[in-house]
Protein backbone atom coordinates (compact mmCIF):
# COMPACT_ATOMS: atom_id res chain seq x y z
CA MET A 1 90.08 136.82 113.29
CA GLY A 2 90.50 140.39 112.08
CA ASP A 3 93.96 141.36 110.88
CA GLY A 4 95.70 138.76 113.04
CA PRO A 5 97.15 135.45 111.90
CA THR A 6 94.82 132.94 110.29
CA ARG A 7 94.86 129.20 109.78
CA TRP A 8 96.34 127.91 106.57
CA PHE A 9 96.86 124.71 104.59
CA SER A 10 99.41 124.32 101.81
CA VAL A 11 100.94 121.53 99.69
CA GLY A 12 104.42 121.17 98.21
CA THR A 13 105.89 118.55 95.90
CA SER A 14 109.26 117.49 94.55
CA ASP A 15 110.26 114.93 91.95
CA ALA A 16 113.96 115.10 92.86
CA ALA A 17 115.66 111.70 92.70
CA ASP A 18 117.67 112.38 95.85
CA GLY A 19 115.56 111.83 98.98
CA GLY A 20 117.10 114.60 101.01
CA ARG A 21 116.55 117.11 98.25
CA ALA A 22 112.99 115.91 97.66
CA GLY A 23 112.16 116.30 101.34
CA ARG A 24 113.67 119.78 101.49
CA GLU A 25 111.98 121.04 98.33
CA ALA A 26 108.51 119.68 99.07
CA THR A 27 108.54 120.87 102.67
CA ALA A 28 109.91 124.32 101.87
CA ALA A 29 107.12 124.81 99.32
CA ALA A 30 104.47 123.63 101.81
CA VAL A 31 105.49 125.61 104.90
CA ALA A 32 106.85 128.70 103.10
CA GLY A 33 108.65 129.84 106.23
CA ARG A 34 105.62 129.45 108.52
CA ASP A 35 105.30 127.47 111.75
CA ALA A 36 103.06 124.49 111.00
CA THR A 37 101.06 122.52 113.54
CA LEU A 38 100.84 119.33 111.45
CA VAL A 39 102.98 118.17 108.52
CA VAL A 40 101.96 115.12 106.44
CA VAL A 41 104.60 113.40 104.28
CA LEU A 42 103.52 111.14 101.39
CA THR A 43 106.06 109.13 99.41
CA ARG A 44 106.39 105.89 97.53
CA VAL A 45 108.69 103.23 99.01
CA ARG A 46 112.31 104.21 98.35
CA ASP A 47 115.76 103.33 99.67
CA ASP A 48 116.50 106.78 101.09
CA LEU A 49 113.50 107.35 103.35
CA ASP A 50 115.75 108.36 106.26
CA ALA A 51 117.41 111.01 104.11
CA LEU A 52 113.99 112.17 102.91
CA VAL A 53 112.69 112.78 106.45
CA ASP A 54 115.94 114.52 107.36
CA GLY A 55 115.28 116.83 104.43
CA VAL A 56 111.76 117.45 105.72
CA ARG A 57 113.03 118.21 109.22
CA SER A 58 115.61 120.68 107.94
CA GLN A 59 112.88 123.01 106.66
CA LEU A 60 110.71 123.10 109.77
CA THR A 61 110.47 125.85 112.36
CA GLY A 62 108.74 125.54 115.68
CA ASN A 63 108.08 121.94 116.61
CA PRO A 64 105.22 120.60 114.45
CA ILE A 65 103.99 117.04 114.51
CA VAL A 66 105.21 115.19 111.42
CA VAL A 67 103.43 112.06 110.22
CA GLY A 68 103.27 110.22 106.95
CA THR A 69 103.27 106.99 105.05
CA SER A 70 104.58 105.05 102.13
CA THR A 71 102.04 104.93 99.33
CA SER A 72 101.21 103.39 95.99
CA GLY A 73 101.39 106.89 94.55
CA GLN A 74 100.32 110.33 95.67
CA TYR A 75 98.67 113.24 93.91
CA THR A 76 97.79 116.90 94.24
CA ALA A 77 96.56 119.75 92.09
CA GLY A 78 99.06 120.61 89.37
CA ALA A 79 101.45 117.71 90.09
CA ASP A 80 102.61 115.72 87.09
CA GLY A 81 101.89 112.05 87.78
CA THR A 82 101.96 110.22 91.11
CA ASP A 83 105.69 109.90 91.78
CA ALA A 84 106.46 113.30 93.33
CA VAL A 85 107.09 113.39 97.07
CA THR A 86 104.17 115.35 98.53
CA VAL A 87 104.13 117.32 101.78
CA ALA A 88 101.00 118.95 103.22
CA ALA A 89 101.24 121.49 106.04
CA TYR A 90 98.45 122.80 108.27
CA GLY A 91 98.93 125.61 110.76
CA GLY A 92 97.69 128.76 112.42
CA PRO A 93 95.59 129.60 115.50
CA GLY A 94 92.61 127.59 116.66
CA LEU A 95 94.21 124.27 115.74
CA GLN A 96 95.57 121.36 117.79
CA ALA A 97 97.38 118.15 116.86
CA SER A 98 98.69 115.25 118.91
CA TYR A 99 100.08 111.85 117.96
CA ARG A 100 100.81 108.38 119.29
CA VAL A 101 102.63 105.39 117.77
CA ALA A 102 101.81 101.79 118.61
CA PRO A 103 103.65 98.73 117.25
CA LEU A 104 101.60 95.99 115.62
CA ASN A 105 103.38 93.25 117.56
CA ARG A 106 100.14 92.23 119.31
CA SER A 107 96.47 92.51 118.38
CA GLY A 108 95.59 95.22 115.90
CA ARG A 109 92.65 96.25 118.05
CA ASP A 110 94.86 96.89 121.09
CA ALA A 111 97.50 98.71 119.04
CA ALA A 112 94.94 101.02 117.44
CA ALA A 113 93.37 101.69 120.83
CA ASP A 114 96.76 102.80 122.12
CA ALA A 115 97.32 105.01 119.07
CA ALA A 116 93.90 106.60 119.55
CA GLU A 117 94.88 107.83 123.02
CA CYS A 118 96.25 110.91 121.23
CA THR A 119 92.69 112.25 121.17
CA ALA A 120 92.80 112.68 124.95
CA ASP A 121 95.10 115.69 124.46
CA LEU A 122 92.54 117.65 122.41
CA THR A 123 90.31 120.39 123.81
CA LEU A 124 88.88 122.18 120.75
CA PRO A 125 85.33 121.23 119.72
CA HIS A 126 85.72 119.81 116.19
CA ARG A 127 87.85 116.68 116.09
CA ALA A 128 89.03 113.84 113.90
CA LEU A 129 91.38 110.91 114.39
CA LEU A 130 93.70 110.16 111.46
CA LEU A 131 95.24 106.69 111.22
CA PHE A 132 98.24 105.66 109.15
CA PHE A 133 98.90 101.97 109.56
CA ASP A 134 100.67 98.85 108.37
CA SER A 135 98.18 96.00 108.28
CA LEU A 136 99.40 93.54 105.68
CA ASP A 137 98.86 90.71 108.15
CA GLU A 138 95.98 92.16 110.18
CA ASP A 139 92.22 92.26 109.96
CA GLN A 140 91.95 95.95 109.19
CA GLN A 141 88.46 96.25 110.67
CA GLU A 142 89.90 95.30 114.07
CA LEU A 143 92.06 98.43 113.93
CA VAL A 144 88.95 100.52 113.33
CA ARG A 145 87.19 98.89 116.26
CA GLY A 146 90.18 99.49 118.54
CA ALA A 147 90.45 103.15 117.59
CA TYR A 148 86.69 103.64 117.96
CA SER A 149 86.74 102.11 121.44
CA VAL A 150 88.96 104.97 122.63
CA ALA A 151 88.09 107.92 120.37
CA GLY A 152 84.35 107.38 120.80
CA ALA A 153 81.35 107.97 118.62
CA ALA A 154 81.73 111.76 118.46
CA THR A 155 85.15 111.65 116.77
CA PRO A 156 85.23 110.72 113.06
CA LEU A 157 87.98 108.34 111.96
CA VAL A 158 89.79 108.77 108.65
CA GLY A 159 92.97 107.32 107.21
CA GLY A 160 94.43 104.42 105.36
CA SER A 161 96.82 101.51 105.22
CA SER A 162 100.32 102.28 104.01
CA GLY A 163 101.07 101.23 100.44
CA ASP A 164 103.91 99.65 98.51
CA ASP A 165 102.64 99.74 94.91
CA LEU A 166 100.48 96.65 95.57
CA ALA A 167 103.53 94.47 96.22
CA TYR A 168 102.19 93.60 99.73
CA VAL A 169 105.75 93.06 100.99
CA ARG A 170 106.68 95.91 103.34
CA THR A 171 105.21 99.32 104.03
CA TYR A 172 106.41 102.27 106.12
CA GLN A 173 105.00 104.83 108.52
CA ILE A 174 106.52 108.19 109.47
CA ALA A 175 106.05 109.83 112.87
CA GLY A 176 107.68 112.38 115.12
CA THR A 177 108.25 116.07 115.59
CA ALA A 178 110.73 118.49 114.08
CA ASP A 179 113.21 117.37 116.75
CA ARG A 180 113.14 113.73 115.66
CA ILE A 181 111.25 111.94 112.90
CA GLU A 182 111.26 108.15 112.71
CA VAL A 183 110.71 105.85 109.74
CA LEU A 184 108.79 102.83 111.04
CA SER A 185 107.32 99.60 109.74
CA GLY A 186 104.68 97.43 111.37
CA ALA A 187 103.10 100.32 113.27
CA VAL A 188 99.89 102.28 113.73
CA VAL A 189 100.25 106.06 113.86
CA GLY A 190 97.31 107.94 115.34
CA VAL A 191 96.95 111.70 114.84
CA GLY A 192 94.41 113.58 116.90
CA LEU A 193 93.33 116.73 115.08
CA ALA A 194 91.08 119.41 116.57
CA CYS A 195 89.92 122.74 115.21
CA GLU A 196 87.69 125.59 116.35
CA THR A 197 85.67 125.25 113.12
CA PRO A 198 84.12 122.15 111.48
CA LEU A 199 85.91 119.26 109.76
CA GLY A 200 84.07 117.29 107.06
CA VAL A 201 84.33 113.66 105.91
CA GLY A 202 83.14 112.31 102.55
CA ILE A 203 82.91 108.67 101.41
CA ALA A 204 82.08 107.31 97.93
CA HIS A 205 83.14 104.33 95.82
CA GLY A 206 81.26 104.24 92.50
CA TRP A 207 80.56 100.48 92.52
CA ARG A 208 77.16 98.83 91.98
CA HIS A 209 75.56 95.42 92.65
CA THR A 210 75.61 92.80 89.96
CA GLY A 211 73.77 89.49 90.17
CA ALA A 212 71.84 87.98 93.06
CA PRO A 213 72.92 88.36 96.70
CA MET A 214 74.89 85.58 98.44
CA SER A 215 74.68 84.66 102.10
CA VAL A 216 77.96 84.44 104.02
CA THR A 217 77.36 81.15 105.80
CA ARG A 218 80.88 80.74 107.24
CA SER A 219 83.65 83.30 107.69
CA ALA A 220 86.25 84.39 110.22
CA ALA A 221 89.10 86.91 110.48
CA GLY A 222 88.94 88.19 106.92
CA ARG A 223 88.55 84.75 105.33
CA VAL A 224 85.32 83.54 103.71
CA TYR A 225 84.81 79.77 103.81
CA GLU A 226 81.24 79.37 102.59
CA LEU A 227 78.80 81.34 100.46
CA ASP A 228 75.24 80.00 100.28
CA GLU A 229 76.48 76.95 102.25
CA GLN A 230 78.89 76.02 99.44
CA PRO A 231 82.69 76.41 99.23
CA ALA A 232 83.27 80.13 98.82
CA LEU A 233 85.97 79.85 96.17
CA ASP A 234 83.74 77.76 93.91
CA VAL A 235 80.68 79.98 94.31
CA TYR A 236 82.68 83.15 93.75
CA ALA A 237 84.55 81.82 90.71
CA ALA A 238 81.31 80.70 89.06
CA ARG A 239 79.66 84.07 89.68
CA ALA A 240 82.70 86.04 88.50
CA GLY A 241 83.29 83.91 85.41
CA LEU A 242 86.69 82.70 86.61
CA ASP A 243 88.27 79.25 86.62
CA ALA A 244 88.55 78.26 90.29
CA ASP A 245 91.85 76.51 89.50
CA LEU A 246 93.32 79.94 88.80
CA ALA A 247 93.68 80.20 92.60
CA ARG A 248 96.71 77.92 92.27
CA ASP A 249 98.45 80.93 90.73
CA PRO A 250 98.03 83.49 93.54
CA ALA A 251 99.19 86.52 91.56
CA ALA A 252 96.99 85.74 88.57
CA PHE A 253 93.96 85.03 90.73
CA ALA A 254 94.36 88.22 92.77
CA LEU A 255 94.69 90.29 89.61
CA ALA A 256 91.60 88.72 88.03
CA ALA A 257 89.57 89.12 91.23
CA LEU A 258 90.24 92.87 91.48
CA ARG A 259 87.45 93.60 89.02
CA SER A 260 84.87 91.56 90.93
CA PRO A 261 85.07 92.55 94.59
CA LEU A 262 82.43 91.74 97.19
CA GLY A 263 79.97 94.36 98.39
CA LEU A 264 78.80 94.09 102.01
CA ASN A 265 75.27 95.14 102.81
CA ARG A 266 75.44 98.06 105.27
CA ARG A 267 72.78 100.37 106.66
CA GLY A 268 74.14 103.35 104.69
CA GLY A 269 75.00 101.49 101.46
CA GLU A 270 77.78 99.03 100.72
CA ASP A 271 81.31 98.50 101.94
CA ILE A 272 83.67 96.95 99.41
CA ARG A 273 86.01 94.04 100.10
CA VAL A 274 88.83 93.22 97.70
CA ILE A 275 89.52 89.51 97.31
CA HIS A 276 93.27 89.02 97.64
CA GLY A 277 93.48 85.30 97.13
CA GLY A 278 91.84 81.90 97.16
CA ASP A 279 92.92 78.70 98.87
CA PRO A 280 92.51 75.85 96.36
CA ASP A 281 92.66 73.21 99.10
CA GLU A 282 90.17 74.56 101.63
CA ARG A 283 88.22 76.39 98.85
CA SER A 284 88.15 79.68 100.76
CA LEU A 285 88.61 83.35 99.84
CA ALA A 286 91.06 85.73 101.55
CA CYS A 287 90.36 89.40 102.26
CA LEU A 288 92.29 91.91 104.39
CA ALA A 289 89.18 92.75 106.40
CA ASP A 290 86.07 91.23 107.88
CA VAL A 291 83.25 89.76 105.79
CA PRO A 292 80.73 89.12 108.58
CA GLN A 293 79.19 85.68 108.86
CA GLY A 294 75.43 85.81 108.43
CA GLY A 295 75.54 88.89 106.20
CA LEU A 296 74.65 89.34 102.54
CA VAL A 297 77.21 90.08 99.83
CA TRP A 298 77.04 90.81 96.11
CA LEU A 299 79.57 90.85 93.33
CA MET A 300 80.25 94.47 92.44
CA ASP A 301 80.91 96.15 89.10
CA THR A 302 82.01 99.61 87.96
CA ASP A 303 83.44 101.61 85.06
CA GLU A 304 85.81 104.54 84.66
CA ASP A 305 83.06 107.16 84.63
CA ALA A 306 81.60 105.82 87.89
CA LEU A 307 85.00 105.74 89.61
CA VAL A 308 85.73 109.34 88.61
CA ALA A 309 82.25 110.40 89.71
CA ALA A 310 82.92 108.85 93.13
CA ALA A 311 85.90 111.15 93.65
CA ASP A 312 83.65 114.11 92.84
CA GLU A 313 80.96 112.84 95.25
CA SER A 314 83.39 112.16 98.12
CA CYS A 315 84.78 115.68 97.87
CA ARG A 316 81.32 117.26 97.69
CA GLN A 317 80.13 115.33 100.75
CA ALA A 318 83.11 116.51 102.81
CA LEU A 319 82.62 120.15 101.81
CA GLU A 320 78.88 120.04 102.52
CA LYS A 321 79.59 118.95 106.11
CA LEU A 322 81.49 122.15 106.83
CA ASP A 323 78.18 123.97 107.41
CA GLY A 324 79.17 126.86 105.19
CA THR A 325 82.64 127.40 106.67
CA PRO A 326 85.11 128.04 103.81
CA PRO A 327 87.52 125.11 103.36
CA LEU A 328 91.27 125.59 103.61
CA GLY A 329 92.37 122.23 102.22
CA LEU A 330 91.60 118.58 101.62
CA LEU A 331 93.32 115.33 102.51
CA THR A 332 92.14 112.37 100.42
CA PHE A 333 92.64 108.64 100.84
CA ASP A 334 92.12 106.63 97.65
CA CYS A 335 92.46 102.91 96.96
CA ALA A 336 95.50 101.71 95.02
CA VAL A 337 93.30 99.25 93.12
CA ARG A 338 91.17 102.16 91.90
CA LYS A 339 94.37 103.66 90.51
CA LEU A 340 95.20 100.39 88.77
CA MET A 341 91.73 100.16 87.26
CA LEU A 342 91.65 103.79 86.15
CA GLY A 343 95.04 103.77 84.44
CA PRO A 344 97.07 106.95 83.79
CA GLU A 345 94.33 108.75 81.85
CA GLY A 346 91.67 107.84 84.39
CA VAL A 347 93.88 109.03 87.26
CA GLU A 348 94.23 112.38 85.49
CA ARG A 349 90.44 112.55 85.15
CA GLU A 350 89.97 111.70 88.82
CA THR A 351 92.47 114.34 89.97
CA ALA A 352 90.83 116.88 87.65
CA ALA A 353 87.42 116.02 89.14
CA LEU A 354 88.76 116.71 92.64
CA GLY A 355 90.26 119.96 91.46
CA ALA A 356 87.00 121.03 89.82
CA VAL A 357 85.06 120.55 93.08
CA ALA A 358 87.79 121.96 95.32
CA GLY A 359 88.37 125.00 93.12
CA SER A 360 91.34 126.96 94.45
CA VAL A 361 91.47 124.90 97.66
CA PRO A 362 94.72 122.85 97.78
CA PHE A 363 94.55 119.10 98.28
CA ALA A 364 96.92 116.20 98.86
CA GLY A 365 96.01 112.55 98.41
CA TRP A 366 97.53 109.11 98.32
CA TYR A 367 96.75 105.56 97.20
CA THR A 368 96.26 103.15 100.11
CA ASN A 369 95.90 99.42 100.81
CA GLY A 370 92.60 100.06 102.61
CA GLU A 371 90.72 103.20 103.59
CA ILE A 372 89.18 104.25 106.89
CA ALA A 373 86.13 106.48 107.20
CA ARG A 374 83.89 106.18 110.25
CA THR A 375 81.32 108.81 111.00
CA ARG A 376 78.77 106.59 112.80
CA GLY A 377 78.82 103.12 114.33
CA SER A 378 81.99 101.10 114.88
CA ALA A 379 82.37 99.96 111.26
CA GLY A 380 84.45 102.08 108.94
CA LEU A 381 86.89 99.98 106.95
CA HIS A 382 86.59 100.40 103.19
CA HIS A 383 88.24 99.12 100.03
CA LEU A 384 88.08 100.56 96.51
CA THR A 385 86.75 103.79 98.02
CA MET A 386 87.65 107.49 98.00
CA VAL A 387 87.66 109.16 101.44
CA THR A 388 87.98 112.94 101.80
CA LEU A 389 88.75 115.00 104.90
CA ALA A 390 87.92 118.71 104.48
CA LEU A 391 89.86 121.11 106.72
CA THR A 392 88.89 124.63 107.80
């Protein structure tokens, strides 16, 4: 590009208690007086979200697209902890962004298909569709299928479900332009991103099979009724070393089950499914995504070293897919349960691992209630996984 303007990616943070101030400080640091094309806002659930987005808007020039989400924590290089409001900005020539918002007041598949229409506005050759979504009551895989049906096989999907510190009560999405930014709930936000140079996606989880495989003999809509032709709750509890009666205490059962998720057999490895509850009357298991009937599943196991190594691997995969083009920045989507399992020291190790691979390249990440990464086929919903999008 010679001596002319170049593309850029930058991240700003603020730990100010006042939302308006936090939005102003984080955005000012990210944009540094430049006209951005896309601004991503990451924040934990707070009472002053409207003031926060007003603070963001006050620091913008031009009319960039602004999207974001509530999280279960966010992180970036050099930030202390996961509480700071984080703003990432991406701008410069040879870059396009478009967005659509669809309410989840009908099927998740239809809503995600509507949100994915933003990709129709793109003309540059290297594309991705980012999804920020509230799916506490939806089969998350249906959102992936809906988005895929419109974006098509040539457009990678990345993103995640909005978080609320694992309370599973209410999450928020942010969408708009510098003229008007809305704080939403119960929505899917689609962001079509296109660039004249490659974008890279990396996926890794760090979990491994334990024990013999189980056949999913009856399941539907994210609920597993039978494993090996026996009540799923009983089979799972026996395999995981849990008392099946613990399911009568939903919070205790969900917490205990976090360390023994199910791994789905996929062509390229395994997809992970967190078990969120068990029904002691119908003896079933509840997940927030599909566990296909007729498939094989295993209990999965991990440790801190493996989880940290997965962050390293996800980042490396994304960078390798840039075909030698120097990266400008990274957006990462990490599972909130991974954060819980890692603890504060493990989170520091994971962030340091990302920084070691990224080098001087800035990154911004957040903890989700489910991660999306689809680079082939129509499947692409993950749990307990680190997803990385590398930008050039």
